[in-house]
Amino acid sequence: MEKLIGLKLNLIIMIKQKIKNILNNIIPKKINLNDNKDLISNEILDSLSIMLLISEIEKEFRIKINMSKFRLDHFRNIKNIEKFIKKNK
């Protein structure tokens, strides 16, 4: 059981790190990213960068994001993005 929990935690950490790498490539300025920082209200992401983020997530995680199910809140922070990716894998 502990091993399974450890594997899940490692998967979450790996997903969040990949998200941070994608964001660092998309965002022109250096930002201190944490899991709960609101990327939209803090004006880190705009409409174009959200579309770039979606495209990069689709490539990196080999998923197809159904735009009819798209909700801005899914991309509000790293924690929400990670949950969204896990749900759509």
N, C-alpha and C. Protein backbone atom coordinates (compact mmCIF):
# COMPACT_ATOMS: atom_id res chain seq x y z
N MET A 1 0.82 -1.20 0.00
CA MET A 1 0.00 0.00 0.00
C MET A 1 0.86 1.26 0.00
N GLU A 2 1.89 1.29 0.83
CA GLU A 2 2.79 2.45 0.90
C GLU A 2 3.48 2.67 -0.44
N LYS A 3 3.83 1.57 -1.10
CA LYS A 3 4.51 1.67 -2.39
C LYS A 3 3.58 2.30 -3.42
N LEU A 4 2.29 1.93 -3.40
CA LEU A 4 1.31 2.50 -4.32
C LEU A 4 1.13 4.00 -4.06
N ILE A 5 1.07 4.38 -2.82
CA ILE A 5 0.95 5.80 -2.46
C ILE A 5 2.17 6.57 -2.94
N GLY A 6 3.35 5.98 -2.74
CA GLY A 6 4.59 6.60 -3.20
C GLY A 6 4.61 6.77 -4.71
N LEU A 7 4.12 5.77 -5.45
CA LEU A 7 4.07 5.86 -6.91
C LEU A 7 3.12 6.96 -7.36
N LYS A 8 1.97 7.07 -6.68
CA LYS A 8 1.02 8.12 -7.03
C LYS A 8 1.59 9.50 -6.75
N LEU A 9 2.28 9.64 -5.63
CA LEU A 9 2.91 10.93 -5.31
C LEU A 9 3.98 11.28 -6.33
N ASN A 10 4.77 10.30 -6.72
CA ASN A 10 5.81 10.54 -7.74
C ASN A 10 5.19 10.95 -9.07
N LEU A 11 4.06 10.33 -9.42
CA LEU A 11 3.37 10.68 -10.66
C LEU A 11 2.87 12.13 -10.61
N ILE A 12 2.29 12.51 -9.48
CA ILE A 12 1.80 13.88 -9.31
C ILE A 12 2.95 14.88 -9.41
N ILE A 13 4.06 14.59 -8.75
CA ILE A 13 5.23 15.46 -8.80
C ILE A 13 5.76 15.58 -10.22
N MET A 14 5.80 14.47 -10.94
CA MET A 14 6.29 14.47 -12.32
C MET A 14 5.38 15.31 -13.22
N ILE A 15 4.06 15.13 -13.07
CA ILE A 15 3.11 15.90 -13.88
C ILE A 15 3.27 17.39 -13.60
N LYS A 16 3.33 17.76 -12.32
CA LYS A 16 3.46 19.18 -11.95
C LYS A 16 4.77 19.77 -12.48
N GLN A 17 5.84 19.01 -12.46
CA GLN A 17 7.12 19.52 -12.97
C GLN A 17 7.05 19.74 -14.48
N LYS A 18 6.40 18.82 -15.19
CA LYS A 18 6.24 19.00 -16.63
C LYS A 18 5.39 20.23 -16.94
N ILE A 19 4.34 20.44 -16.15
CA ILE A 19 3.50 21.63 -16.32
C ILE A 19 4.33 22.89 -16.11
N LYS A 20 5.13 22.92 -15.06
CA LYS A 20 5.99 24.08 -14.78
C LYS A 20 6.97 24.32 -15.92
N ASN A 21 7.54 23.24 -16.47
CA ASN A 21 8.46 23.38 -17.61
C ASN A 21 7.75 23.98 -18.82
N ILE A 22 6.54 23.50 -19.09
CA ILE A 22 5.76 24.04 -20.21
C ILE A 22 5.48 25.52 -19.98
N LEU A 23 5.04 25.86 -18.77
CA LEU A 23 4.73 27.26 -18.45
C LEU A 23 5.96 28.15 -18.59
N ASN A 24 7.09 27.66 -18.13
CA ASN A 24 8.33 28.45 -18.24
C ASN A 24 8.73 28.69 -19.69
N ASN A 25 8.37 27.76 -20.57
CA ASN A 25 8.66 27.93 -21.99
C ASN A 25 7.67 28.88 -22.67
N ILE A 26 6.46 28.95 -22.15
CA ILE A 26 5.41 29.79 -22.74
C ILE A 26 5.48 31.23 -22.24
N ILE A 27 5.74 31.38 -20.95
CA ILE A 27 5.70 32.70 -20.32
C ILE A 27 7.03 33.41 -20.58
N PRO A 28 6.96 34.61 -21.16
CA PRO A 28 8.20 35.32 -21.52
C PRO A 28 9.01 35.81 -20.32
N LYS A 29 8.36 36.08 -19.21
CA LYS A 29 9.09 36.58 -18.04
C LYS A 29 9.25 35.47 -17.00
N LYS A 30 10.30 35.58 -16.21
CA LYS A 30 10.56 34.58 -15.16
C LYS A 30 9.59 34.80 -14.01
N ILE A 31 8.84 33.78 -13.67
CA ILE A 31 7.84 33.85 -12.62
C ILE A 31 8.11 32.73 -11.62
N ASN A 32 7.94 33.04 -10.35
CA ASN A 32 8.01 32.01 -9.32
C ASN A 32 6.67 31.28 -9.30
N LEU A 33 6.65 30.06 -9.78
CA LEU A 33 5.42 29.29 -9.88
C LEU A 33 5.25 28.38 -8.68
N ASN A 34 4.06 28.43 -8.08
CA ASN A 34 3.72 27.43 -7.07
C ASN A 34 2.39 26.81 -7.46
N ASP A 35 2.02 25.73 -6.81
CA ASP A 35 0.87 24.94 -7.23
C ASP A 35 -0.45 25.68 -7.19
N ASN A 36 -0.60 26.65 -6.30
CA ASN A 36 -1.88 27.32 -6.11
C ASN A 36 -1.93 28.75 -6.64
N LYS A 37 -0.85 29.23 -7.21
CA LYS A 37 -0.82 30.60 -7.73
C LYS A 37 -1.81 30.74 -8.89
N ASP A 38 -2.68 31.72 -8.81
CA ASP A 38 -3.68 31.93 -9.84
C ASP A 38 -3.00 32.53 -11.08
N LEU A 39 -2.91 31.72 -12.10
CA LEU A 39 -2.19 32.10 -13.32
C LEU A 39 -2.97 33.09 -14.16
N ILE A 40 -4.26 33.16 -13.95
CA ILE A 40 -5.10 34.04 -14.76
C ILE A 40 -5.27 35.40 -14.09
N SER A 41 -5.72 35.41 -12.84
CA SER A 41 -5.92 36.71 -12.17
C SER A 41 -4.61 37.44 -11.94
N ASN A 42 -3.50 36.72 -11.85
CA ASN A 42 -2.18 37.35 -11.72
C ASN A 42 -1.59 37.72 -13.08
N GLU A 43 -2.40 37.56 -14.13
CA GLU A 43 -2.03 37.92 -15.50
C GLU A 43 -0.76 37.24 -15.99
N ILE A 44 -0.57 36.02 -15.54
CA ILE A 44 0.55 35.22 -16.03
C ILE A 44 0.16 34.58 -17.35
N LEU A 45 -1.09 34.13 -17.44
CA LEU A 45 -1.61 33.56 -18.68
C LEU A 45 -2.64 34.49 -19.28
N ASP A 46 -2.55 34.66 -20.60
CA ASP A 46 -3.59 35.38 -21.33
C ASP A 46 -4.21 34.38 -22.32
N SER A 47 -5.09 34.84 -23.17
CA SER A 47 -5.79 33.92 -24.07
C SER A 47 -4.84 33.16 -24.99
N LEU A 48 -3.84 33.84 -25.52
CA LEU A 48 -2.90 33.17 -26.41
C LEU A 48 -2.05 32.14 -25.65
N SER A 49 -1.57 32.51 -24.50
CA SER A 49 -0.73 31.57 -23.74
C SER A 49 -1.55 30.38 -23.24
N ILE A 50 -2.84 30.56 -22.99
CA ILE A 50 -3.68 29.43 -22.61
C ILE A 50 -3.80 28.45 -23.78
N MET A 51 -3.96 28.98 -24.97
CA MET A 51 -4.03 28.10 -26.15
C MET A 51 -2.70 27.38 -26.39
N LEU A 52 -1.61 28.08 -26.19
CA LEU A 52 -0.29 27.44 -26.29
C LEU A 52 -0.12 26.36 -25.23
N LEU A 53 -0.57 26.66 -24.02
CA LEU A 53 -0.50 25.70 -22.93
C LEU A 53 -1.29 24.44 -23.26
N ILE A 54 -2.50 24.62 -23.76
CA ILE A 54 -3.33 23.47 -24.14
C ILE A 54 -2.63 22.64 -25.20
N SER A 55 -2.09 23.28 -26.20
CA SER A 55 -1.38 22.58 -27.27
C SER A 55 -0.19 21.78 -26.74
N GLU A 56 0.60 22.41 -25.88
CA GLU A 56 1.77 21.74 -25.31
C GLU A 56 1.38 20.59 -24.38
N ILE A 57 0.31 20.77 -23.62
CA ILE A 57 -0.18 19.69 -22.74
C ILE A 57 -0.63 18.50 -23.59
N GLU A 58 -1.33 18.78 -24.68
CA GLU A 58 -1.76 17.69 -25.56
C GLU A 58 -0.57 16.91 -26.10
N LYS A 59 0.47 17.62 -26.49
CA LYS A 59 1.68 16.95 -27.01
C LYS A 59 2.42 16.18 -25.91
N GLU A 60 2.68 16.86 -24.80
CA GLU A 60 3.50 16.27 -23.73
C GLU A 60 2.84 15.05 -23.08
N PHE A 61 1.51 15.13 -22.87
CA PHE A 61 0.82 14.06 -22.14
C PHE A 61 0.02 13.15 -23.06
N ARG A 62 0.13 13.41 -24.37
CA ARG A 62 -0.55 12.58 -25.37
C ARG A 62 -2.05 12.44 -25.07
N ILE A 63 -2.67 13.58 -24.84
CA ILE A 63 -4.11 13.60 -24.62
C ILE A 63 -4.73 14.59 -25.59
N LYS A 64 -6.02 14.45 -25.82
CA LYS A 64 -6.77 15.39 -26.65
C LYS A 64 -7.76 16.09 -25.73
N ILE A 65 -7.65 17.40 -25.66
CA ILE A 65 -8.53 18.18 -24.81
C ILE A 65 -9.77 18.56 -25.62
N ASN A 66 -10.90 18.08 -25.17
CA ASN A 66 -12.17 18.36 -25.81
C ASN A 66 -12.58 19.78 -25.46
N MET A 67 -12.58 20.67 -26.44
CA MET A 67 -12.87 22.07 -26.17
C MET A 67 -14.30 22.32 -25.71
N SER A 68 -15.20 21.38 -25.98
CA SER A 68 -16.57 21.56 -25.48
C SER A 68 -16.63 21.36 -23.96
N LYS A 69 -15.61 20.71 -23.41
CA LYS A 69 -15.53 20.52 -21.96
C LYS A 69 -14.53 21.47 -21.30
N PHE A 70 -13.97 22.37 -22.11
CA PHE A 70 -12.99 23.32 -21.60
C PHE A 70 -13.62 24.28 -20.60
N ARG A 71 -12.96 24.43 -19.46
CA ARG A 71 -13.35 25.41 -18.45
C ARG A 71 -12.10 26.15 -18.03
N LEU A 72 -12.18 27.46 -17.97
CA LEU A 72 -11.03 28.28 -17.60
C LEU A 72 -10.48 27.87 -16.24
N ASP A 73 -11.35 27.46 -15.34
CA ASP A 73 -10.90 27.05 -14.00
C ASP A 73 -9.95 25.85 -14.04
N HIS A 74 -10.05 25.03 -15.08
CA HIS A 74 -9.13 23.89 -15.21
C HIS A 74 -7.69 24.35 -15.36
N PHE A 75 -7.48 25.60 -15.81
CA PHE A 75 -6.15 26.12 -16.10
C PHE A 75 -5.78 27.30 -15.20
N ARG A 76 -6.52 27.46 -14.12
CA ARG A 76 -6.32 28.59 -13.22
C ARG A 76 -5.01 28.48 -12.43
N ASN A 77 -4.62 27.26 -12.07
CA ASN A 77 -3.36 27.06 -11.33
C ASN A 77 -2.80 25.69 -11.66
N ILE A 78 -1.58 25.45 -11.23
CA ILE A 78 -0.89 24.20 -11.55
C ILE A 78 -1.63 23.00 -10.96
N LYS A 79 -2.15 23.15 -9.77
CA LYS A 79 -2.88 22.06 -9.13
C LYS A 79 -4.11 21.66 -9.96
N ASN A 80 -4.85 22.64 -10.45
CA ASN A 80 -6.02 22.35 -11.28
C ASN A 80 -5.62 21.72 -12.61
N ILE A 81 -4.54 22.21 -13.19
CA ILE A 81 -4.07 21.65 -14.46
C ILE A 81 -3.68 20.19 -14.26
N GLU A 82 -2.98 19.90 -13.18
CA GLU A 82 -2.57 18.52 -12.89
C GLU A 82 -3.78 17.61 -12.73
N LYS A 83 -4.80 18.06 -12.02
CA LYS A 83 -6.02 17.27 -11.83
C LYS A 83 -6.72 17.04 -13.18
N PHE A 84 -6.75 18.09 -14.01
CA PHE A 84 -7.38 18.00 -15.31
C PHE A 84 -6.67 16.97 -16.19
N ILE A 85 -5.35 17.00 -16.17
CA ILE A 85 -4.57 16.05 -16.97
C ILE A 85 -4.83 14.61 -16.50
N LYS A 86 -4.80 14.40 -15.19
CA LYS A 86 -5.04 13.05 -14.66
C LYS A 86 -6.42 12.55 -15.04
N LYS A 87 -7.40 13.43 -15.01
CA LYS A 87 -8.77 13.04 -15.34
C LYS A 87 -8.94 12.71 -16.83
N ASN A 88 -8.12 13.33 -17.68
CA ASN A 88 -8.25 13.15 -19.12
C ASN A 88 -7.24 12.20 -19.74
N LYS A 89 -6.43 11.56 -18.93
CA LYS A 89 -5.45 10.59 -19.46
C LYS A 89 -6.10 9.27 -19.74
